Full PDB file with SEQRES, HELIX, SHEET, SSBOND, CRYST1, ORIGX, SCALE, CONECT and MASTER records, all heavy atoms in Angstrom:
SEQRES   1 A   36  ILE THR ASP VAL ALA LEU ASP PRO PHE THR SER HIS GLY          
SEQRES   2 A   36  HIS ASP GLY LEU VAL ASP SER GLU ARG ILE LEU ASN ASP          
SEQRES   3 A   36  GLU THR VAL GLU VAL LEU CYS LYS MET ALA                      
HELIX    1 AA1 ASN A   25  MET A   35  1                                  11    
SHEET    1 AA1 2 LEU A  17  ASP A  19  0                                        
SHEET    2 AA1 2 ARG A  22  LEU A  24 -1                                        
CRYST1    1.000    1.000    1.000  90.00  90.00  90.00 P 1           1          
ORIGX1      1.000000  0.000000  0.000000        0.00000                         
ORIGX2      0.000000  1.000000  0.000000        0.00000                         
ORIGX3      0.000000  0.000000  1.000000        0.00000                         
SCALE1      1.000000  0.000000  0.000000        0.00000                         
SCALE2      0.000000  1.000000  0.000000        0.00000                         
SCALE3      0.000000  0.000000  1.000000        0.00000                         
ATOM      1  N   ILE A   1      -9.884   7.328  14.899  1.00  0.00           N  
ATOM      2  CA  ILE A   1      -9.153   7.599  13.665  1.00  0.00           C  
ATOM      3  C   ILE A   1      -8.372   6.346  13.304  1.00  0.00           C  
ATOM      4  O   ILE A   1      -7.674   5.778  14.148  1.00  0.00           O  
ATOM      5  CB  ILE A   1      -8.184   8.785  13.842  1.00  0.00           C  
ATOM      6  CG1 ILE A   1      -8.931  10.045  14.298  1.00  0.00           C  
ATOM      7  CG2 ILE A   1      -7.407   9.055  12.564  1.00  0.00           C  
ATOM      8  CD1 ILE A   1      -8.009  11.193  14.685  1.00  0.00           C  
ATOM      9  N   THR A   2      -8.484   5.915  12.057  1.00  0.00           N  
ATOM     10  CA  THR A   2      -7.766   4.718  11.637  1.00  0.00           C  
ATOM     11  C   THR A   2      -6.845   5.027  10.463  1.00  0.00           C  
ATOM     12  O   THR A   2      -7.198   5.746   9.533  1.00  0.00           O  
ATOM     13  CB  THR A   2      -8.745   3.595  11.246  1.00  0.00           C  
ATOM     14  OG1 THR A   2      -9.796   4.126  10.441  1.00  0.00           O  
ATOM     15  CG2 THR A   2      -9.336   2.958  12.494  1.00  0.00           C  
ATOM     16  N   ASP A   3      -5.676   4.465  10.531  1.00  0.00           N  
ATOM     17  CA  ASP A   3      -4.634   4.676   9.530  1.00  0.00           C  
ATOM     18  C   ASP A   3      -4.966   3.916   8.252  1.00  0.00           C  
ATOM     19  O   ASP A   3      -5.377   2.752   8.301  1.00  0.00           O  
ATOM     20  CB  ASP A   3      -3.302   4.181  10.110  1.00  0.00           C  
ATOM     21  CG  ASP A   3      -2.117   4.519   9.241  1.00  0.00           C  
ATOM     22  OD1 ASP A   3      -1.982   5.686   8.852  1.00  0.00           O  
ATOM     23  OD2 ASP A   3      -1.317   3.603   8.957  1.00  0.00           O  
ATOM     24  N   VAL A   4      -4.820   4.586   7.111  1.00  0.00           N  
ATOM     25  CA  VAL A   4      -5.002   3.932   5.816  1.00  0.00           C  
ATOM     26  C   VAL A   4      -3.656   3.970   5.099  1.00  0.00           C  
ATOM     27  O   VAL A   4      -3.275   4.963   4.492  1.00  0.00           O  
ATOM     28  CB  VAL A   4      -6.099   4.630   4.981  1.00  0.00           C  
ATOM     29  CG1 VAL A   4      -6.221   3.944   3.618  1.00  0.00           C  
ATOM     30  CG2 VAL A   4      -7.429   4.590   5.705  1.00  0.00           C  
ATOM     31  N   ALA A   5      -2.917   2.899   5.233  1.00  0.00           N  
ATOM     32  CA  ALA A   5      -1.603   2.731   4.592  1.00  0.00           C  
ATOM     33  C   ALA A   5      -1.257   1.261   4.664  1.00  0.00           C  
ATOM     34  O   ALA A   5      -1.734   0.541   5.552  1.00  0.00           O  
ATOM     35  CB  ALA A   5      -0.538   3.580   5.271  1.00  0.00           C  
ATOM     36  N   LEU A   6      -0.419   0.814   3.777  1.00  0.00           N  
ATOM     37  CA  LEU A   6      -0.167  -0.616   3.661  1.00  0.00           C  
ATOM     38  C   LEU A   6       1.048  -1.102   4.440  1.00  0.00           C  
ATOM     39  O   LEU A   6       1.241  -2.312   4.575  1.00  0.00           O  
ATOM     40  CB  LEU A   6      -0.004  -0.990   2.178  1.00  0.00           C  
ATOM     41  CG  LEU A   6      -1.166  -0.631   1.254  1.00  0.00           C  
ATOM     42  CD1 LEU A   6      -0.942  -1.253  -0.121  1.00  0.00           C  
ATOM     43  CD2 LEU A   6      -2.506  -1.059   1.829  1.00  0.00           C  
ATOM     44  N   ASP A   7       1.861  -0.190   4.970  1.00  0.00           N  
ATOM     45  CA  ASP A   7       3.127  -0.634   5.559  1.00  0.00           C  
ATOM     46  C   ASP A   7       2.988  -1.628   6.713  1.00  0.00           C  
ATOM     47  O   ASP A   7       3.846  -2.494   6.863  1.00  0.00           O  
ATOM     48  CB  ASP A   7       4.015   0.557   5.951  1.00  0.00           C  
ATOM     49  CG  ASP A   7       3.322   1.584   6.816  1.00  0.00           C  
ATOM     50  OD1 ASP A   7       2.131   1.850   6.597  1.00  0.00           O  
ATOM     51  OD2 ASP A   7       3.969   2.144   7.721  1.00  0.00           O  
ATOM     52  N   PRO A   8       1.938  -1.575   7.567  1.00  0.00           N  
ATOM     53  CA  PRO A   8       1.850  -2.614   8.594  1.00  0.00           C  
ATOM     54  C   PRO A   8       1.526  -3.996   8.022  1.00  0.00           C  
ATOM     55  O   PRO A   8       1.702  -5.010   8.706  1.00  0.00           O  
ATOM     56  CB  PRO A   8       0.699  -2.127   9.490  1.00  0.00           C  
ATOM     57  CG  PRO A   8       0.515  -0.693   9.178  1.00  0.00           C  
ATOM     58  CD  PRO A   8       0.873  -0.573   7.731  1.00  0.00           C  
ATOM     59  N   PHE A   9       1.041  -4.027   6.770  1.00  0.00           N  
ATOM     60  CA  PHE A   9       0.528  -5.260   6.189  1.00  0.00           C  
ATOM     61  C   PHE A   9       1.416  -5.847   5.100  1.00  0.00           C  
ATOM     62  O   PHE A   9       1.177  -6.967   4.655  1.00  0.00           O  
ATOM     63  CB  PHE A   9      -0.864  -5.004   5.600  1.00  0.00           C  
ATOM     64  CG  PHE A   9      -1.852  -4.473   6.599  1.00  0.00           C  
ATOM     65  CD1 PHE A   9      -2.032  -3.108   6.760  1.00  0.00           C  
ATOM     66  CD2 PHE A   9      -2.595  -5.342   7.389  1.00  0.00           C  
ATOM     67  CE1 PHE A   9      -2.945  -2.611   7.682  1.00  0.00           C  
ATOM     68  CE2 PHE A   9      -3.506  -4.859   8.313  1.00  0.00           C  
ATOM     69  CZ  PHE A   9      -3.676  -3.493   8.466  1.00  0.00           C  
ATOM     70  N   THR A  10       2.410  -5.087   4.638  1.00  0.00           N  
ATOM     71  CA  THR A  10       3.270  -5.580   3.559  1.00  0.00           C  
ATOM     72  C   THR A  10       4.492  -6.287   4.134  1.00  0.00           C  
ATOM     73  O   THR A  10       5.044  -5.882   5.166  1.00  0.00           O  
ATOM     74  CB  THR A  10       3.738  -4.431   2.646  1.00  0.00           C  
ATOM     75  OG1 THR A  10       4.375  -3.412   3.426  1.00  0.00           O  
ATOM     76  CG2 THR A  10       2.566  -3.835   1.898  1.00  0.00           C  
ATOM     77  N   SER A  11       4.914  -7.319   3.432  1.00  0.00           N  
ATOM     78  CA  SER A  11       6.087  -8.072   3.877  1.00  0.00           C  
ATOM     79  C   SER A  11       7.372  -7.282   3.701  1.00  0.00           C  
ATOM     80  O   SER A  11       8.386  -7.570   4.346  1.00  0.00           O  
ATOM     81  CB  SER A  11       6.180  -9.390   3.107  1.00  0.00           C  
ATOM     82  OG  SER A  11       6.077  -9.161   1.709  1.00  0.00           O  
ATOM     83  N   HIS A  12       7.352  -6.240   2.849  1.00  0.00           N  
ATOM     84  CA  HIS A  12       8.548  -5.437   2.602  1.00  0.00           C  
ATOM     85  C   HIS A  12       8.568  -4.137   3.401  1.00  0.00           C  
ATOM     86  O   HIS A  12       9.581  -3.448   3.438  1.00  0.00           O  
ATOM     87  CB  HIS A  12       8.660  -5.110   1.112  1.00  0.00           C  
ATOM     88  CG  HIS A  12       7.368  -4.680   0.489  1.00  0.00           C  
ATOM     89  ND1 HIS A  12       6.781  -3.466   0.745  1.00  0.00           N  
ATOM     90  CD2 HIS A  12       6.550  -5.338  -0.381  1.00  0.00           C  
ATOM     91  CE1 HIS A  12       5.636  -3.383   0.056  1.00  0.00           C  
ATOM     92  NE2 HIS A  12       5.478  -4.500  -0.627  1.00  0.00           N  
ATOM     93  N   GLY A  13       7.462  -3.759   4.052  1.00  0.00           N  
ATOM     94  CA  GLY A  13       7.431  -2.589   4.914  1.00  0.00           C  
ATOM     95  C   GLY A  13       7.129  -1.270   4.239  1.00  0.00           C  
ATOM     96  O   GLY A  13       7.099  -0.223   4.899  1.00  0.00           O  
ATOM     97  N   HIS A  14       6.878  -1.289   2.930  1.00  0.00           N  
ATOM     98  CA  HIS A  14       6.549  -0.047   2.236  1.00  0.00           C  
ATOM     99  C   HIS A  14       5.048   0.231   2.326  1.00  0.00           C  
ATOM    100  O   HIS A  14       4.237  -0.662   2.575  1.00  0.00           O  
ATOM    101  CB  HIS A  14       7.003  -0.101   0.783  1.00  0.00           C  
ATOM    102  CG  HIS A  14       8.437   0.270   0.600  1.00  0.00           C  
ATOM    103  ND1 HIS A  14       8.888   1.574   0.646  1.00  0.00           N  
ATOM    104  CD2 HIS A  14       9.546  -0.507   0.406  1.00  0.00           C  
ATOM    105  CE1 HIS A  14      10.199   1.595   0.468  1.00  0.00           C  
ATOM    106  NE2 HIS A  14      10.626   0.353   0.321  1.00  0.00           N  
ATOM    107  N   ASP A  15       4.696   1.506   2.065  1.00  0.00           N  
ATOM    108  CA  ASP A  15       3.304   1.944   2.153  1.00  0.00           C  
ATOM    109  C   ASP A  15       2.502   1.622   0.905  1.00  0.00           C  
ATOM    110  O   ASP A  15       1.310   1.953   0.832  1.00  0.00           O  
ATOM    111  CB  ASP A  15       3.249   3.464   2.371  1.00  0.00           C  
ATOM    112  CG  ASP A  15       3.873   3.895   3.680  1.00  0.00           C  
ATOM    113  OD1 ASP A  15       5.008   3.468   3.965  1.00  0.00           O  
ATOM    114  OD2 ASP A  15       3.236   4.668   4.411  1.00  0.00           O  
ATOM    115  N   GLY A  16       3.120   1.023  -0.078  1.00  0.00           N  
ATOM    116  CA  GLY A  16       2.437   0.720  -1.322  1.00  0.00           C  
ATOM    117  C   GLY A  16       2.836  -0.627  -1.883  1.00  0.00           C  
ATOM    118  O   GLY A  16       3.772  -1.273  -1.388  1.00  0.00           O  
ATOM    119  N   LEU A  17       2.111  -1.043  -2.909  1.00  0.00           N  
ATOM    120  CA  LEU A  17       2.473  -2.255  -3.635  1.00  0.00           C  
ATOM    121  C   LEU A  17       3.766  -2.011  -4.409  1.00  0.00           C  
ATOM    122  O   LEU A  17       4.083  -0.872  -4.767  1.00  0.00           O  
ATOM    123  CB  LEU A  17       1.350  -2.647  -4.589  1.00  0.00           C  
ATOM    124  CG  LEU A  17      -0.029  -2.869  -3.954  1.00  0.00           C  
ATOM    125  CD1 LEU A  17      -1.033  -3.274  -5.024  1.00  0.00           C  
ATOM    126  CD2 LEU A  17       0.032  -3.899  -2.835  1.00  0.00           C  
ATOM    127  N   VAL A  18       4.484  -3.074  -4.675  1.00  0.00           N  
ATOM    128  CA  VAL A  18       5.838  -2.955  -5.234  1.00  0.00           C  
ATOM    129  C   VAL A  18       5.985  -3.826  -6.472  1.00  0.00           C  
ATOM    130  O   VAL A  18       5.473  -4.949  -6.525  1.00  0.00           O  
ATOM    131  CB  VAL A  18       6.887  -3.357  -4.164  1.00  0.00           C  
ATOM    132  CG1 VAL A  18       8.277  -3.462  -4.787  1.00  0.00           C  
ATOM    133  CG2 VAL A  18       6.901  -2.355  -3.026  1.00  0.00           C  
ATOM    134  N   ASP A  19       6.678  -3.283  -7.441  1.00  0.00           N  
ATOM    135  CA  ASP A  19       7.068  -4.051  -8.625  1.00  0.00           C  
ATOM    136  C   ASP A  19       8.543  -3.785  -8.880  1.00  0.00           C  
ATOM    137  O   ASP A  19       8.928  -2.668  -9.229  1.00  0.00           O  
ATOM    138  CB  ASP A  19       6.239  -3.643  -9.841  1.00  0.00           C  
ATOM    139  CG  ASP A  19       6.611  -4.409 -11.103  1.00  0.00           C  
ATOM    140  OD1 ASP A  19       7.195  -5.511 -10.975  1.00  0.00           O  
ATOM    141  OD2 ASP A  19       6.336  -3.903 -12.199  1.00  0.00           O  
ATOM    142  N   SER A  20       9.366  -4.806  -8.666  1.00  0.00           N  
ATOM    143  CA  SER A  20      10.826  -4.673  -8.839  1.00  0.00           C  
ATOM    144  C   SER A  20      11.369  -3.469  -8.068  1.00  0.00           C  
ATOM    145  O   SER A  20      12.131  -2.656  -8.597  1.00  0.00           O  
ATOM    146  CB  SER A  20      11.178  -4.549 -10.328  1.00  0.00           C  
ATOM    147  OG  SER A  20      10.725  -5.685 -11.039  1.00  0.00           O  
ATOM    148  N   GLU A  21      10.959  -3.371  -6.811  1.00  0.00           N  
ATOM    149  CA  GLU A  21      11.388  -2.303  -5.892  1.00  0.00           C  
ATOM    150  C   GLU A  21      10.905  -0.916  -6.316  1.00  0.00           C  
ATOM    151  O   GLU A  21      11.390   0.094  -5.820  1.00  0.00           O  
ATOM    152  CB  GLU A  21      12.913  -2.322  -5.680  1.00  0.00           C  
ATOM    153  CG  GLU A  21      13.406  -3.640  -5.100  1.00  0.00           C  
ATOM    154  CD  GLU A  21      14.833  -3.568  -4.572  1.00  0.00           C  
ATOM    155  OE1 GLU A  21      15.464  -2.506  -4.657  1.00  0.00           O  
ATOM    156  OE2 GLU A  21      15.312  -4.612  -4.063  1.00  0.00           O  
ATOM    157  N   ARG A  22       9.939  -0.850  -7.208  1.00  0.00           N  
ATOM    158  CA  ARG A  22       9.300   0.415  -7.565  1.00  0.00           C  
ATOM    159  C   ARG A  22       7.929   0.454  -6.919  1.00  0.00           C  
ATOM    160  O   ARG A  22       7.142  -0.475  -7.047  1.00  0.00           O  
ATOM    161  CB  ARG A  22       9.187   0.540  -9.090  1.00  0.00           C  
ATOM    162  CG  ARG A  22       8.565   1.863  -9.561  1.00  0.00           C  
ATOM    163  CD  ARG A  22       8.643   1.961 -11.075  1.00  0.00           C  
ATOM    164  NE  ARG A  22       7.832   0.956 -11.738  1.00  0.00           N  
ATOM    165  CZ  ARG A  22       6.550   1.141 -12.073  1.00  0.00           C  
ATOM    166  NH1 ARG A  22       5.936   2.283 -11.787  1.00  0.00           N  
ATOM    167  NH2 ARG A  22       5.882   0.189 -12.702  1.00  0.00           N  
ATOM    168  N   ILE A  23       7.640   1.550  -6.202  1.00  0.00           N  
ATOM    169  CA  ILE A  23       6.368   1.681  -5.511  1.00  0.00           C  
ATOM    170  C   ILE A  23       5.289   2.073  -6.517  1.00  0.00           C  
ATOM    171  O   ILE A  23       5.399   3.092  -7.201  1.00  0.00           O  
ATOM    172  CB  ILE A  23       6.448   2.735  -4.391  1.00  0.00           C  
ATOM    173  CG1 ILE A  23       7.680   2.497  -3.503  1.00  0.00           C  
ATOM    174  CG2 ILE A  23       5.181   2.733  -3.549  1.00  0.00           C  
ATOM    175  CD1 ILE A  23       7.759   1.131  -2.885  1.00  0.00           C  
ATOM    176  N   LEU A  24       4.246   1.265  -6.608  1.00  0.00           N  
ATOM    177  CA  LEU A  24       3.173   1.471  -7.573  1.00  0.00           C  
ATOM    178  C   LEU A  24       2.114   2.398  -6.985  1.00  0.00           C  
ATOM    179  O   LEU A  24       1.569   2.130  -5.916  1.00  0.00           O  
ATOM    180  CB  LEU A  24       2.533   0.137  -7.949  1.00  0.00           C  
ATOM    181  CG  LEU A  24       3.488  -0.916  -8.543  1.00  0.00           C  
ATOM    182  CD1 LEU A  24       2.758  -2.232  -8.737  1.00  0.00           C  
ATOM    183  CD2 LEU A  24       4.086  -0.419  -9.862  1.00  0.00           C  
ATOM    184  N   ASN A  25       1.807   3.445  -7.694  1.00  0.00           N  
ATOM    185  CA  ASN A  25       0.859   4.445  -7.172  1.00  0.00           C  
ATOM    186  C   ASN A  25      -0.599   4.021  -7.360  1.00  0.00           C  
ATOM    187  O   ASN A  25      -1.333   3.808  -6.390  1.00  0.00           O  
ATOM    188  CB  ASN A  25       1.092   5.783  -7.861  1.00  0.00           C  
ATOM    189  CG  ASN A  25       0.345   6.919  -7.194  1.00  0.00           C  
ATOM    190  OD1 ASN A  25       0.874   7.602  -6.325  1.00  0.00           O  
ATOM    191  ND2 ASN A  25      -0.915   7.157  -7.563  1.00  0.00           N  
ATOM    192  N   ASP A  26      -1.053   3.888  -8.602  1.00  0.00           N  
ATOM    193  CA  ASP A  26      -2.477   3.688  -8.870  1.00  0.00           C  
ATOM    194  C   ASP A  26      -2.975   2.348  -8.341  1.00  0.00           C  
ATOM    195  O   ASP A  26      -4.094   2.259  -7.820  1.00  0.00           O  
ATOM    196  CB  ASP A  26      -2.752   3.800 -10.366  1.00  0.00           C  
ATOM    197  CG  ASP A  26      -2.404   5.188 -10.910  1.00  0.00           C  
ATOM    198  OD1 ASP A  26      -1.868   6.021 -10.137  1.00  0.00           O  
ATOM    199  OD2 ASP A  26      -2.648   5.435 -12.103  1.00  0.00           O  
ATOM    200  N   GLU A  27      -2.160   1.318  -8.466  1.00  0.00           N  
ATOM    201  CA  GLU A  27      -2.537   0.005  -7.936  1.00  0.00           C  
ATOM    202  C   GLU A  27      -2.663   0.051  -6.408  1.00  0.00           C  
ATOM    203  O   GLU A  27      -3.550  -0.594  -5.833  1.00  0.00           O  
ATOM    204  CB  GLU A  27      -1.510  -1.050  -8.351  1.00  0.00           C  
ATOM    205  CG  GLU A  27      -1.459  -1.314  -9.845  1.00  0.00           C  
ATOM    206  CD  GLU A  27      -0.557  -0.344 -10.612  1.00  0.00           C  
ATOM    207  OE1 GLU A  27      -0.155   0.694 -10.039  1.00  0.00           O  
ATOM    208  OE2 GLU A  27      -0.261  -0.633 -11.791  1.00  0.00           O  
ATOM    209  N   THR A  28      -1.790   0.817  -5.774  1.00  0.00           N  
ATOM    210  CA  THR A  28      -1.871   0.976  -4.323  1.00  0.00           C  
ATOM    211  C   THR A  28      -3.153   1.692  -3.924  1.00  0.00           C  
ATOM    212  O   THR A  28      -3.826   1.306  -2.952  1.00  0.00           O  
ATOM    213  CB  THR A  28      -0.651   1.769  -3.806  1.00  0.00           C  
ATOM    214  OG1 THR A  28       0.534   1.014  -4.054  1.00  0.00           O  
ATOM    215  CG2 THR A  28      -0.769   2.049  -2.315  1.00  0.00           C  
ATOM    216  N   VAL A  29      -3.516   2.729  -4.657  1.00  0.00           N  
ATOM    217  CA  VAL A  29      -4.728   3.490  -4.338  1.00  0.00           C  
ATOM    218  C   VAL A  29      -5.958   2.593  -4.372  1.00  0.00           C  
ATOM    219  O   VAL A  29      -6.869   2.745  -3.538  1.00  0.00           O  
ATOM    220  CB  VAL A  29      -4.875   4.689  -5.297  1.00  0.00           C  
ATOM    221  CG1 VAL A  29      -6.237   5.357  -5.135  1.00  0.00           C  
ATOM    222  CG2 VAL A  29      -3.767   5.709  -5.043  1.00  0.00           C  
ATOM    223  N   GLU A  30      -6.007   1.648  -5.288  1.00  0.00           N  
ATOM    224  CA  GLU A  30      -7.141   0.718  -5.341  1.00  0.00           C  
ATOM    225  C   GLU A  30      -7.267  -0.063  -4.043  1.00  0.00           C  
ATOM    226  O   GLU A  30      -8.376  -0.273  -3.528  1.00  0.00           O  
ATOM    227  CB  GLU A  30      -6.974  -0.239  -6.523  1.00  0.00           C  
ATOM    228  CG  GLU A  30      -7.114   0.424  -7.892  1.00  0.00           C  
ATOM    229  CD  GLU A  30      -6.947  -0.564  -9.025  1.00  0.00           C  
ATOM    230  OE1 GLU A  30      -6.988  -1.795  -8.759  1.00  0.00           O  
ATOM    231  OE2 GLU A  30      -6.783  -0.128 -10.179  1.00  0.00           O  
ATOM    232  N   VAL A  31      -6.145  -0.500  -3.497  1.00  0.00           N  
ATOM    233  CA  VAL A  31      -6.171  -1.244  -2.229  1.00  0.00           C  
ATOM    234  C   VAL A  31      -6.541  -0.319  -1.072  1.00  0.00           C  
ATOM    235  O   VAL A  31      -7.301  -0.697  -0.168  1.00  0.00           O  
ATOM    236  CB  VAL A  31      -4.806  -1.919  -1.974  1.00  0.00           C  
ATOM    237  CG1 VAL A  31      -4.821  -2.687  -0.651  1.00  0.00           C  
ATOM    238  CG2 VAL A  31      -4.440  -2.860  -3.118  1.00  0.00           C  
ATOM    239  N   LEU A  32      -6.034   0.900  -1.091  1.00  0.00           N  
ATOM    240  CA  LEU A  32      -6.359   1.847  -0.032  1.00  0.00           C  
ATOM    241  C   LEU A  32      -7.856   2.126   0.031  1.00  0.00           C  
ATOM    242  O   LEU A  32      -8.422   2.287   1.121  1.00  0.00           O  
ATOM    243  CB  LEU A  32      -5.593   3.156  -0.248  1.00  0.00           C  
ATOM    244  CG  LEU A  32      -4.071   3.075  -0.188  1.00  0.00           C  
ATOM    245  CD1 LEU A  32      -3.457   4.424  -0.549  1.00  0.00           C  
ATOM    246  CD2 LEU A  32      -3.594   2.632   1.185  1.00  0.00           C  
ATOM    247  N   CYS A  33      -8.499   2.202  -1.118  1.00  0.00           N  
ATOM    248  CA  CYS A  33      -9.952   2.415  -1.152  1.00  0.00           C  
ATOM    249  C   CYS A  33     -10.682   1.260  -0.475  1.00  0.00           C  
ATOM    250  O   CYS A  33     -11.618   1.475   0.317  1.00  0.00           O  
ATOM    251  CB  CYS A  33     -10.430   2.567  -2.590  1.00  0.00           C  
ATOM    252  SG  CYS A  33      -9.954   4.122  -3.372  1.00  0.00           S  
ATOM    253  N   LYS A  34     -10.274   0.042  -0.773  1.00  0.00           N  
ATOM    254  CA  LYS A  34     -10.882  -1.120  -0.124  1.00  0.00           C  
ATOM    255  C   LYS A  34     -10.655  -1.084   1.386  1.00  0.00           C  
ATOM    256  O   LYS A  34     -11.564  -1.385   2.176  1.00  0.00           O  
ATOM    257  CB  LYS A  34     -10.294  -2.416  -0.697  1.00  0.00           C  
ATOM    258  CG  LYS A  34     -10.582  -2.661  -2.166  1.00  0.00           C  
ATOM    259  CD  LYS A  34      -9.894  -3.950  -2.620  1.00  0.00           C  
ATOM    260  CE  LYS A  34     -10.052  -4.193  -4.104  1.00  0.00           C  
ATOM    261  NZ  LYS A  34      -9.343  -5.436  -4.524  1.00  0.00           N  
ATOM    262  N   MET A  35      -9.455  -0.726   1.789  1.00  0.00           N  
ATOM    263  CA  MET A  35      -9.104  -0.658   3.204  1.00  0.00           C  
ATOM    264  C   MET A  35      -9.954   0.390   3.931  1.00  0.00           C  
ATOM    265  O   MET A  35     -10.496   0.146   5.011  1.00  0.00           O  
ATOM    266  CB  MET A  35      -7.609  -0.318   3.316  1.00  0.00           C  
ATOM    267  CG  MET A  35      -7.055  -0.305   4.710  1.00  0.00           C  
ATOM    268  SD  MET A  35      -5.276   0.085   4.652  1.00  0.00           S  
ATOM    269  CE  MET A  35      -4.859  -0.026   6.389  1.00  0.00           C  
ATOM    270  N   ALA A  36     -10.089   1.566   3.319  1.00  0.00           N  
ATOM    271  CA  ALA A  36     -10.879   2.635   3.922  1.00  0.00           C  
ATOM    272  C   ALA A  36     -12.333   2.228   4.070  1.00  0.00           C  
ATOM    273  O   ALA A  36     -12.984   2.520   5.086  1.00  0.00           O  
ATOM    274  CB  ALA A  36     -10.758   3.907   3.087  1.00  0.00           C  
TER     275      ALA A  36                                                      
MASTER        0    0    0    1    2    0    0    6  274    1    0    3          
END                                                                             
């Protein structure tokens, strides 16, 4: 089983992409698909 989330890979530690400290949903999902 492999984890699909961005927090181990982001410099800020959040599970998603960030814009001005706002977590971006749809843009993050695009990256998660590539990761999976």
